[in-house]
Every structure is written in C-alpha cells, then in structure tokens.
C-alpha cells in the first residue's frame, strides 16, 4: 500500500523545489505540483535489481513541465522528498507574502 503524502498540496499553490545531486544543490520555485502513486512493481523481476519508482511527480516551472519518477524518501507536513536518477527532489510550500 502506498503512503499518503502528508504535505498539503494545492493546485494553485507555489512551492520551493530543491534538487540535490552530490554536493550540488539547485533551488527554485514551481507551481501545479502533482504527486501520483504508481501501481506496484513495474520491473517484472522478482528480488534483487533496482526497485521500480513508486511515485510520479509533475510540476511546472516558468511554463515548462517537469516529470520525475522516484521513490519517497521523506514525508513530513512541511516538506516531501523523492530520490530519482541519483538526485533528491525536495518540495515544500513557498512562504506567502
């Protein structure tokens, strides 16, 4: 059973996205964040090997759509993190001014 995302996600919300790869970290803003649980193991292999991605993350940044499949790493009220392709994507609500 997939874990429910604890961070509130609003269609019209603004979010901070932090992408970490090794010692490099890039931060930016994004909108229209969608997080969808993917069905079961898609690899078709049992045991060993890589684990199939568990979630599909879609977000928009300056009109560009980004699509990432990854595994849930952290699931908190204030942020959610996913591991995908050697990078860690962390999303948190942007502060309201």
PDB file of N, CA and C in Angstrom:
ATOM      1  N   UNK A   1       0.840  -1.188   0.000  1.00  0.00           N
ATOM      2  CA  UNK A   1       0.000   0.000   0.000  1.00  0.00           C
ATOM      3  C   UNK A   1       0.882   1.246   0.000  1.00  0.00           C
ATOM      4  N   UNK A   2       0.546   2.203  -0.843  1.00  0.00           N
ATOM      5  CA  UNK A   2       1.324   3.436  -0.960  1.00  0.00           C
ATOM      6  C   UNK A   2       1.042   4.347   0.217  1.00  0.00           C
ATOM      7  N   UNK A   3       2.071   5.087   0.610  1.00  0.00           N
ATOM      8  CA  UNK A   3       1.955   6.013   1.724  1.00  0.00           C
ATOM      9  C   UNK A   3       1.305   7.310   1.253  1.00  0.00           C
ATOM     10  N   UNK A   4       0.379   7.833   2.038  1.00  0.00           N
ATOM     11  CA  UNK A   4      -0.287   9.091   1.702  1.00  0.00           C
ATOM     12  C   UNK A   4       0.667  10.257   1.967  1.00  0.00           C
ATOM     13  N   UNK A   5       0.710  11.204   1.044  1.00  0.00           N
ATOM     14  CA  UNK A   5       1.567  12.377   1.189  1.00  0.00           C
ATOM     15  C   UNK A   5       0.970  13.288   2.256  1.00  0.00           C
ATOM     16  N   UNK A   6       1.770  13.644   3.273  1.00  0.00           N
ATOM     17  CA  UNK A   6       1.284  14.439   4.405  1.00  0.00           C
ATOM     18  C   UNK A   6       1.267  15.936   4.114  1.00  0.00           C
ATOM     19  N   UNK A   7       2.161  16.412   3.242  1.00  0.00           N
ATOM     20  CA  UNK A   7       2.235  17.843   2.945  1.00  0.00           C
ATOM     21  C   UNK A   7       1.006  18.260   2.139  1.00  0.00           C
ATOM     22  N   UNK A   8       0.324  19.337   2.560  1.00  0.00           N
ATOM     23  CA  UNK A   8      -0.835  19.796   1.794  1.00  0.00           C
ATOM     24  C   UNK A   8      -0.402  20.306   0.418  1.00  0.00           C
ATOM     25  N   UNK A   9      -1.094  19.853  -0.624  1.00  0.00           N
ATOM     26  CA  UNK A   9      -0.777  20.261  -1.994  1.00  0.00           C
ATOM     27  C   UNK A   9      -2.010  20.905  -2.601  1.00  0.00           C
ATOM     28  N   UNK A  10      -1.863  22.167  -2.998  1.00  0.00           N
ATOM     29  CA  UNK A  10      -2.951  22.922  -3.622  1.00  0.00           C
ATOM     30  C   UNK A  10      -2.623  23.127  -5.097  1.00  0.00           C
ATOM     31  N   UNK A  11      -3.601  22.973  -5.964  1.00  0.00           N
ATOM     32  CA  UNK A  11      -3.401  23.148  -7.407  1.00  0.00           C
ATOM     33  C   UNK A  11      -2.831  24.526  -7.719  1.00  0.00           C
ATOM     34  N   UNK A  12      -3.304  25.553  -7.036  1.00  0.00           N
ATOM     35  CA  UNK A  12      -2.859  26.922  -7.291  1.00  0.00           C
ATOM     36  C   UNK A  12      -1.715  27.348  -6.376  1.00  0.00           C
ATOM     37  N   UNK A  13      -1.154  26.413  -5.621  1.00  0.00           N
ATOM     38  CA  UNK A  13      -0.094  26.740  -4.682  1.00  0.00           C
ATOM     39  C   UNK A  13       1.256  26.945  -5.355  1.00  0.00           C
ATOM     40  N   UNK A  14       2.132  27.653  -4.678  1.00  0.00           N
ATOM     41  CA  UNK A  14       3.515  27.823  -5.097  1.00  0.00           C
ATOM     42  C   UNK A  14       4.394  27.021  -4.153  1.00  0.00           C
ATOM     43  N   UNK A  15       5.422  26.389  -4.702  1.00  0.00           N
ATOM     44  CA  UNK A  15       6.283  25.515  -3.922  1.00  0.00           C
ATOM     45  C   UNK A  15       7.744  25.834  -4.196  1.00  0.00           C
ATOM     46  N   UNK A  16       8.582  25.531  -3.228  1.00  0.00           N
ATOM     47  CA  UNK A  16      10.030  25.606  -3.394  1.00  0.00           C
ATOM     48  C   UNK A  16      10.491  24.199  -3.746  1.00  0.00           C
ATOM     49  N   UNK A  17      11.275  24.075  -4.807  1.00  0.00           N
ATOM     50  CA  UNK A  17      11.852  22.780  -5.176  1.00  0.00           C
ATOM     51  C   UNK A  17      13.364  22.884  -5.020  1.00  0.00           C
ATOM     52  N   UNK A  18      13.936  21.923  -4.321  1.00  0.00           N
ATOM     53  CA  UNK A  18      15.372  21.850  -4.115  1.00  0.00           C
ATOM     54  C   UNK A  18      15.849  20.533  -4.727  1.00  0.00           C
ATOM     55  N   UNK A  19      16.766  20.616  -5.699  1.00  0.00           N
ATOM     56  CA  UNK A  19      17.279  19.425  -6.369  1.00  0.00           C
ATOM     57  C   UNK A  19      18.736  19.254  -5.958  1.00  0.00           C
ATOM     58  N   UNK A  20      19.028  18.153  -5.270  1.00  0.00           N
ATOM     59  CA  UNK A  20      20.365  17.891  -4.750  1.00  0.00           C
ATOM     60  C   UNK A  20      20.974  16.700  -5.476  1.00  0.00           C
ATOM     61  N   UNK A  21      22.199  16.904  -5.973  1.00  0.00           N
ATOM     62  CA  UNK A  21      22.954  15.819  -6.600  1.00  0.00           C
ATOM     63  C   UNK A  21      24.373  15.889  -6.053  1.00  0.00           C
ATOM     64  N   UNK A  22      24.723  14.954  -5.192  1.00  0.00           N
ATOM     65  CA  UNK A  22      26.027  15.002  -4.524  1.00  0.00           C
ATOM     66  C   UNK A  22      26.102  16.231  -3.628  1.00  0.00           C
ATOM     67  N   UNK A  23      27.103  17.090  -3.872  1.00  0.00           N
ATOM     68  CA  UNK A  23      27.247  18.321  -3.092  1.00  0.00           C
ATOM     69  C   UNK A  23      26.564  19.509  -3.755  1.00  0.00           C
ATOM     70  N   UNK A  24      26.054  19.335  -4.961  1.00  0.00           N
ATOM     71  CA  UNK A  24      25.367  20.403  -5.702  1.00  0.00           C
ATOM     72  C   UNK A  24      23.906  20.507  -5.283  1.00  0.00           C
ATOM     73  N   UNK A  25      23.433  21.735  -5.081  1.00  0.00           N
ATOM     74  CA  UNK A  25      22.020  21.943  -4.766  1.00  0.00           C
ATOM     75  C   UNK A  25      21.503  23.115  -5.579  1.00  0.00           C
ATOM     76  N   UNK A  26      20.385  22.895  -6.257  1.00  0.00           N
ATOM     77  CA  UNK A  26      19.718  23.957  -7.016  1.00  0.00           C
ATOM     78  C   UNK A  26      18.342  24.158  -6.413  1.00  0.00           C
ATOM     79  N   UNK A  27      17.981  25.428  -6.210  1.00  0.00           N
ATOM     80  CA  UNK A  27      16.672  25.748  -5.635  1.00  0.00           C
ATOM     81  C   UNK A  27      15.905  26.626  -6.601  1.00  0.00           C
ATOM     82  N   UNK A  28      14.602  26.464  -6.598  1.00  0.00           N
ATOM     83  CA  UNK A  28      13.750  27.291  -7.436  1.00  0.00           C
ATOM     84  C   UNK A  28      12.312  27.203  -6.970  1.00  0.00           C
ATOM     85  N   UNK A  29      11.446  27.870  -7.698  1.00  0.00           N
ATOM     86  CA  UNK A  29      10.013  27.826  -7.398  1.00  0.00           C
ATOM     87  C   UNK A  29       9.310  26.999  -8.450  1.00  0.00           C
ATOM     88  N   UNK A  30       8.194  26.419  -8.082  1.00  0.00           N
ATOM     89  CA  UNK A  30       7.386  25.686  -9.046  1.00  0.00           C
ATOM     90  C   UNK A  30       5.910  25.837  -8.688  1.00  0.00           C
ATOM     91  N   UNK A  31       5.067  25.524  -9.656  1.00  0.00           N
ATOM     92  CA  UNK A  31       3.623  25.595  -9.480  1.00  0.00           C
ATOM     93  C   UNK A  31       3.000  24.282  -9.977  1.00  0.00           C
ATOM     94  N   UNK A  32       1.725  24.144  -9.718  1.00  0.00           N
ATOM     95  CA  UNK A  32       0.941  22.999 -10.188  1.00  0.00           C
ATOM     96  C   UNK A  32       1.646  21.674  -9.901  1.00  0.00           C
ATOM     97  N   UNK A  33       1.925  21.427  -8.648  1.00  0.00           N
ATOM     98  CA  UNK A  33       2.590  20.198  -8.222  1.00  0.00           C
ATOM     99  C   UNK A  33       1.565  19.072  -8.115  1.00  0.00           C
ATOM    100  N   UNK A  34       1.853  17.960  -8.789  1.00  0.00           N
ATOM    101  CA  UNK A  34       1.020  16.757  -8.717  1.00  0.00           C
ATOM    102  C   UNK A  34       1.908  15.598  -8.294  1.00  0.00           C
ATOM    103  N   UNK A  35       1.445  14.800  -7.344  1.00  0.00           N
ATOM    104  CA  UNK A  35       2.183  13.610  -6.911  1.00  0.00           C
ATOM    105  C   UNK A  35       1.211  12.438  -6.971  1.00  0.00           C
ATOM    106  N   UNK A  36       1.553  11.439  -7.810  1.00  0.00           N
ATOM    107  CA  UNK A  36       0.660  10.305  -8.034  1.00  0.00           C
ATOM    108  C   UNK A  36       1.393   9.011  -7.718  1.00  0.00           C
ATOM    109  N   UNK A  37       0.772   8.154  -6.922  1.00  0.00           N
ATOM    110  CA  UNK A  37       1.346   6.842  -6.621  1.00  0.00           C
ATOM    111  C   UNK A  37       1.246   5.963  -7.860  1.00  0.00           C
ATOM    112  N   UNK A  38       2.336   5.274  -8.181  1.00  0.00           N
ATOM    113  CA  UNK A  38       2.350   4.363  -9.319  1.00  0.00           C
ATOM    114  C   UNK A  38       1.988   2.959  -8.846  1.00  0.00           C
ATOM    115  N   UNK A  39       1.346   2.186  -9.689  1.00  0.00           N
ATOM    116  CA  UNK A  39       0.963   0.834  -9.294  1.00  0.00           C
ATOM    117  C   UNK A  39       2.164  -0.094  -9.203  1.00  0.00           C
ATOM    118  N   UNK A  40       2.231  -0.883  -8.124  1.00  0.00           N
ATOM    119  CA  UNK A  40       3.178  -1.974  -7.914  1.00  0.00           C
ATOM    120  C   UNK A  40       4.527  -1.926  -8.601  1.00  0.00           C
ATOM    121  N   UNK A  41       5.173  -3.075  -8.680  1.00  0.00           N
ATOM    122  CA  UNK A  41       6.496  -3.236  -9.275  1.00  0.00           C
ATOM    123  C   UNK A  41       6.349  -3.365 -10.783  1.00  0.00           C
ATOM    124  N   UNK A  42       6.885  -2.393 -11.520  1.00  0.00           N
ATOM    125  CA  UNK A  42       6.759  -2.402 -12.972  1.00  0.00           C
ATOM    126  C   UNK A  42       7.941  -3.081 -13.650  1.00  0.00           C
ATOM    127  N   UNK A  43       8.953  -3.496 -12.892  1.00  0.00           N
ATOM    128  CA  UNK A  43      10.159  -4.053 -13.499  1.00  0.00           C
ATOM    129  C   UNK A  43       9.946  -5.475 -14.020  1.00  0.00           C
ATOM    130  N   UNK A  44       8.981  -6.205 -13.446  1.00  0.00           N
ATOM    131  CA  UNK A  44       8.712  -7.564 -13.883  1.00  0.00           C
ATOM    132  C   UNK A  44       9.729  -8.563 -13.352  1.00  0.00           C
ATOM    133  N   UNK A  45      10.666  -8.120 -12.539  1.00  0.00           N
ATOM    134  CA  UNK A  45      11.666  -9.005 -11.968  1.00  0.00           C
ATOM    135  C   UNK A  45      11.397  -9.160 -10.481  1.00  0.00           C
ATOM    136  N   UNK A  46      11.669 -10.338  -9.969  1.00  0.00           N
ATOM    137  CA  UNK A  46      11.472 -10.532  -8.530  1.00  0.00           C
ATOM    138  C   UNK A  46      12.818 -10.640  -7.842  1.00  0.00           C
ATOM    139  N   UNK A  47      12.961  -9.921  -6.742  1.00  0.00           N
ATOM    140  CA  UNK A  47      14.193  -9.953  -5.964  1.00  0.00           C
ATOM    141  C   UNK A  47      15.348  -9.260  -6.655  1.00  0.00           C
ATOM    142  N   UNK A  48      16.290  -8.758  -5.851  1.00  0.00           N
ATOM    143  CA  UNK A  48      17.487  -8.119  -6.391  1.00  0.00           C
ATOM    144  C   UNK A  48      17.153  -6.953  -7.298  1.00  0.00           C
ATOM    145  N   UNK A  49      18.125  -6.474  -8.033  1.00  0.00           N
ATOM    146  CA  UNK A  49      17.900  -5.422  -9.023  1.00  0.00           C
ATOM    147  C   UNK A  49      17.377  -4.129  -8.437  1.00  0.00           C
ATOM    148  N   UNK A  50      17.115  -3.193  -9.314  1.00  0.00           N
ATOM    149  CA  UNK A  50      16.602  -1.892  -8.894  1.00  0.00           C
ATOM    150  C   UNK A  50      15.120  -1.975  -8.567  1.00  0.00           C
ATOM    151  N   UNK A  51      14.708  -1.159  -7.618  1.00  0.00           N
ATOM    152  CA  UNK A  51      13.302  -1.080  -7.252  1.00  0.00           C
ATOM    153  C   UNK A  51      12.620  -0.109  -8.206  1.00  0.00           C
ATOM    154  N   UNK A  52      11.452  -0.465  -8.702  1.00  0.00           N
ATOM    155  CA  UNK A  52      10.727   0.407  -9.615  1.00  0.00           C
ATOM    156  C   UNK A  52      10.296   1.685  -8.897  1.00  0.00           C
ATOM    157  N   UNK A  53      10.240   2.816  -9.602  1.00  0.00           N
ATOM    158  CA  UNK A  53       9.776   4.060  -8.979  1.00  0.00           C
ATOM    159  C   UNK A  53       8.383   3.886  -8.390  1.00  0.00           C
ATOM    160  N   UNK A  54       8.141   4.569  -7.288  1.00  0.00           N
ATOM    161  CA  UNK A  54       6.856   4.414  -6.611  1.00  0.00           C
ATOM    162  C   UNK A  54       5.917   5.583  -6.850  1.00  0.00           C
ATOM    163  N   UNK A  55       6.441   6.744  -7.240  1.00  0.00           N
ATOM    164  CA  UNK A  55       5.603   7.926  -7.419  1.00  0.00           C
ATOM    165  C   UNK A  55       5.985   8.657  -8.694  1.00  0.00           C
ATOM    166  N   UNK A  56       5.013   9.291  -9.321  1.00  0.00           N
ATOM    167  CA  UNK A  56       5.261  10.179 -10.451  1.00  0.00           C
ATOM    168  C   UNK A  56       4.989  11.598  -9.977  1.00  0.00           C
ATOM    169  N   UNK A  57       6.004  12.452 -10.110  1.00  0.00           N
ATOM    170  CA  UNK A  57       5.910  13.841  -9.678  1.00  0.00           C
ATOM    171  C   UNK A  57       5.895  14.712 -10.928  1.00  0.00           C
ATOM    172  N   UNK A  58       4.903  15.569 -11.049  1.00  0.00           N
ATOM    173  CA  UNK A  58       4.801  16.502 -12.162  1.00  0.00           C
ATOM    174  C   UNK A  58       4.716  17.894 -11.571  1.00  0.00           C
ATOM    175  N   UNK A  59       5.517  18.814 -12.121  1.00  0.00           N
ATOM    176  CA  UNK A  59       5.450  20.200 -11.679  1.00  0.00           C
ATOM    177  C   UNK A  59       5.806  21.121 -12.830  1.00  0.00           C
ATOM    178  N   UNK A  60       5.417  22.380 -12.713  1.00  0.00           N
ATOM    179  CA  UNK A  60       5.652  23.377 -13.748  1.00  0.00           C
ATOM    180  C   UNK A  60       6.556  24.476 -13.203  1.00  0.00           C
ATOM    181  N   UNK A  61       7.489  24.923 -14.043  1.00  0.00           N
ATOM    182  CA  UNK A  61       8.404  25.998 -13.690  1.00  0.00           C
ATOM    183  C   UNK A  61       8.553  26.895 -14.909  1.00  0.00           C
ATOM    184  N   UNK A  62       8.071  28.131 -14.817  1.00  0.00           N
ATOM    185  CA  UNK A  62       8.113  29.091 -15.923  1.00  0.00           C
ATOM    186  C   UNK A  62       7.525  28.500 -17.202  1.00  0.00           C
ATOM    187  N   UNK A  63       6.417  27.793 -17.084  1.00  0.00           N
ATOM    188  CA  UNK A  63       5.724  27.251 -18.245  1.00  0.00           C
ATOM    189  C   UNK A  63       6.245  25.917 -18.743  1.00  0.00           C
ATOM    190  N   UNK A  64       7.361  25.441 -18.206  1.00  0.00           N
ATOM    191  CA  UNK A  64       7.919  24.147 -18.607  1.00  0.00           C
ATOM    192  C   UNK A  64       7.423  23.063 -17.652  1.00  0.00           C
ATOM    193  N   UNK A  65       7.017  21.944 -18.218  1.00  0.00           N
ATOM    194  CA  UNK A  65       6.543  20.830 -17.402  1.00  0.00           C
ATOM    195  C   UNK A  65       7.697  19.872 -17.129  1.00  0.00           C
ATOM    196  N   UNK A  66       7.843  19.468 -15.876  1.00  0.00           N
ATOM    197  CA  UNK A  66       8.854  18.501 -15.470  1.00  0.00           C
ATOM    198  C   UNK A  66       8.151  17.258 -14.957  1.00  0.00           C
ATOM    199  N   UNK A  67       8.660  16.101 -15.343  1.00  0.00           N
ATOM    200  CA  UNK A  67       8.078  14.817 -14.974  1.00  0.00           C
ATOM    201  C   UNK A  67       9.188  13.948 -14.393  1.00  0.00           C
ATOM    202  N   UNK A  68       9.003  13.476 -13.148  1.00  0.00           N
ATOM    203  CA  UNK A  68      10.024  12.692 -12.450  1.00  0.00           C
ATOM    204  C   UNK A  68       9.355  11.472 -11.835  1.00  0.00           C
ATOM    205  N   UNK A  69       9.956  10.302 -12.014  1.00  0.00           N
ATOM    206  CA  UNK A  69       9.501   9.094 -11.325  1.00  0.00           C
ATOM    207  C   UNK A  69      10.524   8.778 -10.243  1.00  0.00           C
ATOM    208  N   UNK A  70      10.058   8.641  -8.989  1.00  0.00           N
ATOM    209  CA  UNK A  70      11.009   8.408  -7.910  1.00  0.00           C
ATOM    210  C   UNK A  70      10.403   7.735  -6.704  1.00  0.00           C
ATOM    211  N   UNK A  71      11.289   7.394  -5.780  1.00  0.00           N
ATOM    212  CA  UNK A  71      10.886   6.752  -4.526  1.00  0.00           C
ATOM    213  C   UNK A  71      10.785   7.780  -3.412  1.00  0.00           C
ATOM    214  N   UNK A  72       9.795   7.630  -2.571  1.00  0.00           N
ATOM    215  CA  UNK A  72       9.586   8.525  -1.434  1.00  0.00           C
ATOM    216  C   UNK A  72      10.712   8.341  -0.414  1.00  0.00           C
ATOM    217  N   UNK A  73      11.358   9.464  -0.034  1.00  0.00           N
ATOM    218  CA  UNK A  73      12.446   9.426   0.941  1.00  0.00           C
ATOM    219  C   UNK A  73      11.984  10.006   2.268  1.00  0.00           C
ATOM    220  N   UNK A  74      11.370  11.206   2.223  1.00  0.00           N
ATOM    221  CA  UNK A  74      10.841  11.857   3.429  1.00  0.00           C
ATOM    222  C   UNK A  74       9.406  12.286   3.150  1.00  0.00           C
ATOM    223  N   UNK A  75       8.576  12.161   4.165  1.00  0.00           N
ATOM    224  CA  UNK A  75       7.171  12.530   4.038  1.00  0.00           C
ATOM    225  C   UNK A  75       6.750  13.235   5.325  1.00  0.00           C
ATOM    226  N   UNK A  76       6.859  14.558   5.332  1.00  0.00           N
ATOM    227  CA  UNK A  76       6.537  15.358   6.516  1.00  0.00           C
ATOM    228  C   UNK A  76       5.465  16.388   6.148  1.00  0.00           C
ATOM    229  N   UNK A  77       4.886  17.030   7.161  1.00  0.00           N
ATOM    230  CA  UNK A  77       3.878  18.079   6.931  1.00  0.00           C
ATOM    231  C   UNK A  77       4.469  19.266   6.163  1.00  0.00           C
ATOM    232  N   UNK A  78       5.748  19.598   6.431  1.00  0.00           N
ATOM    233  CA  UNK A  78       6.358  20.779   5.848  1.00  0.00           C
ATOM    234  C   UNK A  78       7.145  20.543   4.572  1.00  0.00           C
ATOM    235  N   UNK A  79       7.444  19.301   4.239  1.00  0.00           N
ATOM    236  CA  UNK A  79       8.170  19.002   3.008  1.00  0.00           C
ATOM    237  C   UNK A  79       8.037  17.528   2.649  1.00  0.00           C
ATOM    238  N   UNK A  80       8.313  17.233   1.379  1.00  0.00           N
ATOM    239  CA  UNK A  80       8.296  15.853   0.893  1.00  0.00           C
ATOM    240  C   UNK A  80       9.498  15.705  -0.042  1.00  0.00           C
ATOM    241  N   UNK A  81      10.210  14.566   0.061  1.00  0.00           N
ATOM    242  CA  UNK A  81      11.419  14.338  -0.739  1.00  0.00           C
ATOM    243  C   UNK A  81      11.324  13.022  -1.492  1.00  0.00           C
ATOM    244  N   UNK A  82      11.895  13.021  -2.702  1.00  0.00           N
ATOM    245  CA  UNK A  82      11.917  11.846  -3.561  1.00  0.00           C
ATOM    246  C   UNK A  82      13.320  11.633  -4.100  1.00  0.00           C
ATOM    247  N   UNK A  83      13.733  10.375  -4.227  1.00  0.00           N
ATOM    248  CA  UNK A  83      15.013  10.001  -4.829  1.00  0.00           C
ATOM    249  C   UNK A  83      14.714   9.530  -6.240  1.00  0.00           C
ATOM    250  N   UNK A  84      15.404  10.140  -7.236  1.00  0.00           N
ATOM    251  CA  UNK A  84      15.193   9.759  -8.630  1.00  0.00           C
ATOM    252  C   UNK A  84      16.450  10.050  -9.436  1.00  0.00           C
ATOM    253  N   UNK A  85      16.924   9.068 -10.181  1.00  0.00           N
ATOM    254  CA  UNK A  85      18.058   9.215 -11.093  1.00  0.00           C
ATOM    255  C   UNK A  85      19.271   9.847 -10.411  1.00  0.00           C
ATOM    256  N   UNK A  86      19.580   9.421  -9.197  1.00  0.00           N
ATOM    257  CA  UNK A  86      20.744   9.926  -8.486  1.00  0.00           C
ATOM    258  C   UNK A  86      20.575  11.316  -7.886  1.00  0.00           C
ATOM    259  N   UNK A  87      19.373  11.853  -7.937  1.00  0.00           N
ATOM    260  CA  UNK A  87      19.090  13.180  -7.384  1.00  0.00           C
ATOM    261  C   UNK A  87      18.007  13.062  -6.321  1.00  0.00           C
ATOM    262  N   UNK A  88      18.001  14.029  -5.403  1.00  0.00           N
ATOM    263  CA  UNK A  88      16.949  14.106  -4.395  1.00  0.00           C
ATOM    264  C   UNK A  88      16.147  15.376  -4.663  1.00  0.00           C
ATOM    265  N   UNK A  89      14.848  15.220  -4.898  1.00  0.00           N
ATOM    266  CA  UNK A  89      13.937  16.336  -5.142  1.00  0.00           C
ATOM    267  C   UNK A  89      13.148  16.579  -3.862  1.00  0.00           C
ATOM    268  N   UNK A  90      13.270  17.782  -3.294  1.00  0.00           N
ATOM    269  CA  UNK A  90      12.548  18.141  -2.084  1.00  0.00           C
ATOM    270  C   UNK A  90      11.596  19.279  -2.396  1.00  0.00           C
ATOM    271  N   UNK A  91      10.328  19.104  -2.058  1.00  0.00           N
ATOM    272  CA  UNK A  91       9.299  20.111  -2.294  1.00  0.00           C
ATOM    273  C   UNK A  91       8.780  20.604  -0.948  1.00  0.00           C
ATOM    274  N   UNK A  92       8.590  21.923  -0.830  1.00  0.00           N
ATOM    275  CA  UNK A  92       7.999  22.500   0.368  1.00  0.00           C
ATOM    276  C   UNK A  92       7.161  23.701  -0.054  1.00  0.00           C
ATOM    277  N   UNK A  93       6.114  24.033   0.708  1.00  0.00           N
ATOM    278  CA  UNK A  93       5.280  25.185   0.357  1.00  0.00           C
ATOM    279  C   UNK A  93       6.095  26.475   0.388  1.00  0.00           C
ATOM    280  N   UNK A  94       5.883  27.343  -0.596  1.00  0.00           N
ATOM    281  CA  UNK A  94       6.550  28.642  -0.623  1.00  0.00           C
ATOM    282  C   UNK A  94       5.878  29.549   0.392  1.00  0.00           C
ATOM    283  N   UNK A  95       6.663  30.356   1.092  1.00  0.00           N
ATOM    284  CA  UNK A  95       6.046  31.279   2.068  1.00  0.00           C
ATOM    285  C   UNK A  95       5.156  32.284   1.370  1.00  0.00           C
ATOM    286  N   UNK A  96       4.044  32.614   1.993  1.00  0.00           N
ATOM    287  CA  UNK A  96       3.097  33.588   1.447  1.00  0.00           C
ATOM    288  C   UNK A  96       3.508  34.968   1.951  1.00  0.00           C
ATOM    289  N   UNK A  97       3.582  35.906   1.021  1.00  0.00           N
ATOM    290  CA  UNK A  97       3.992  37.282   1.407  1.00  0.00           C
ATOM    291  C   UNK A  97       2.807  38.134   1.684  1.00  0.00           C
TER     292      UNK A  97
END
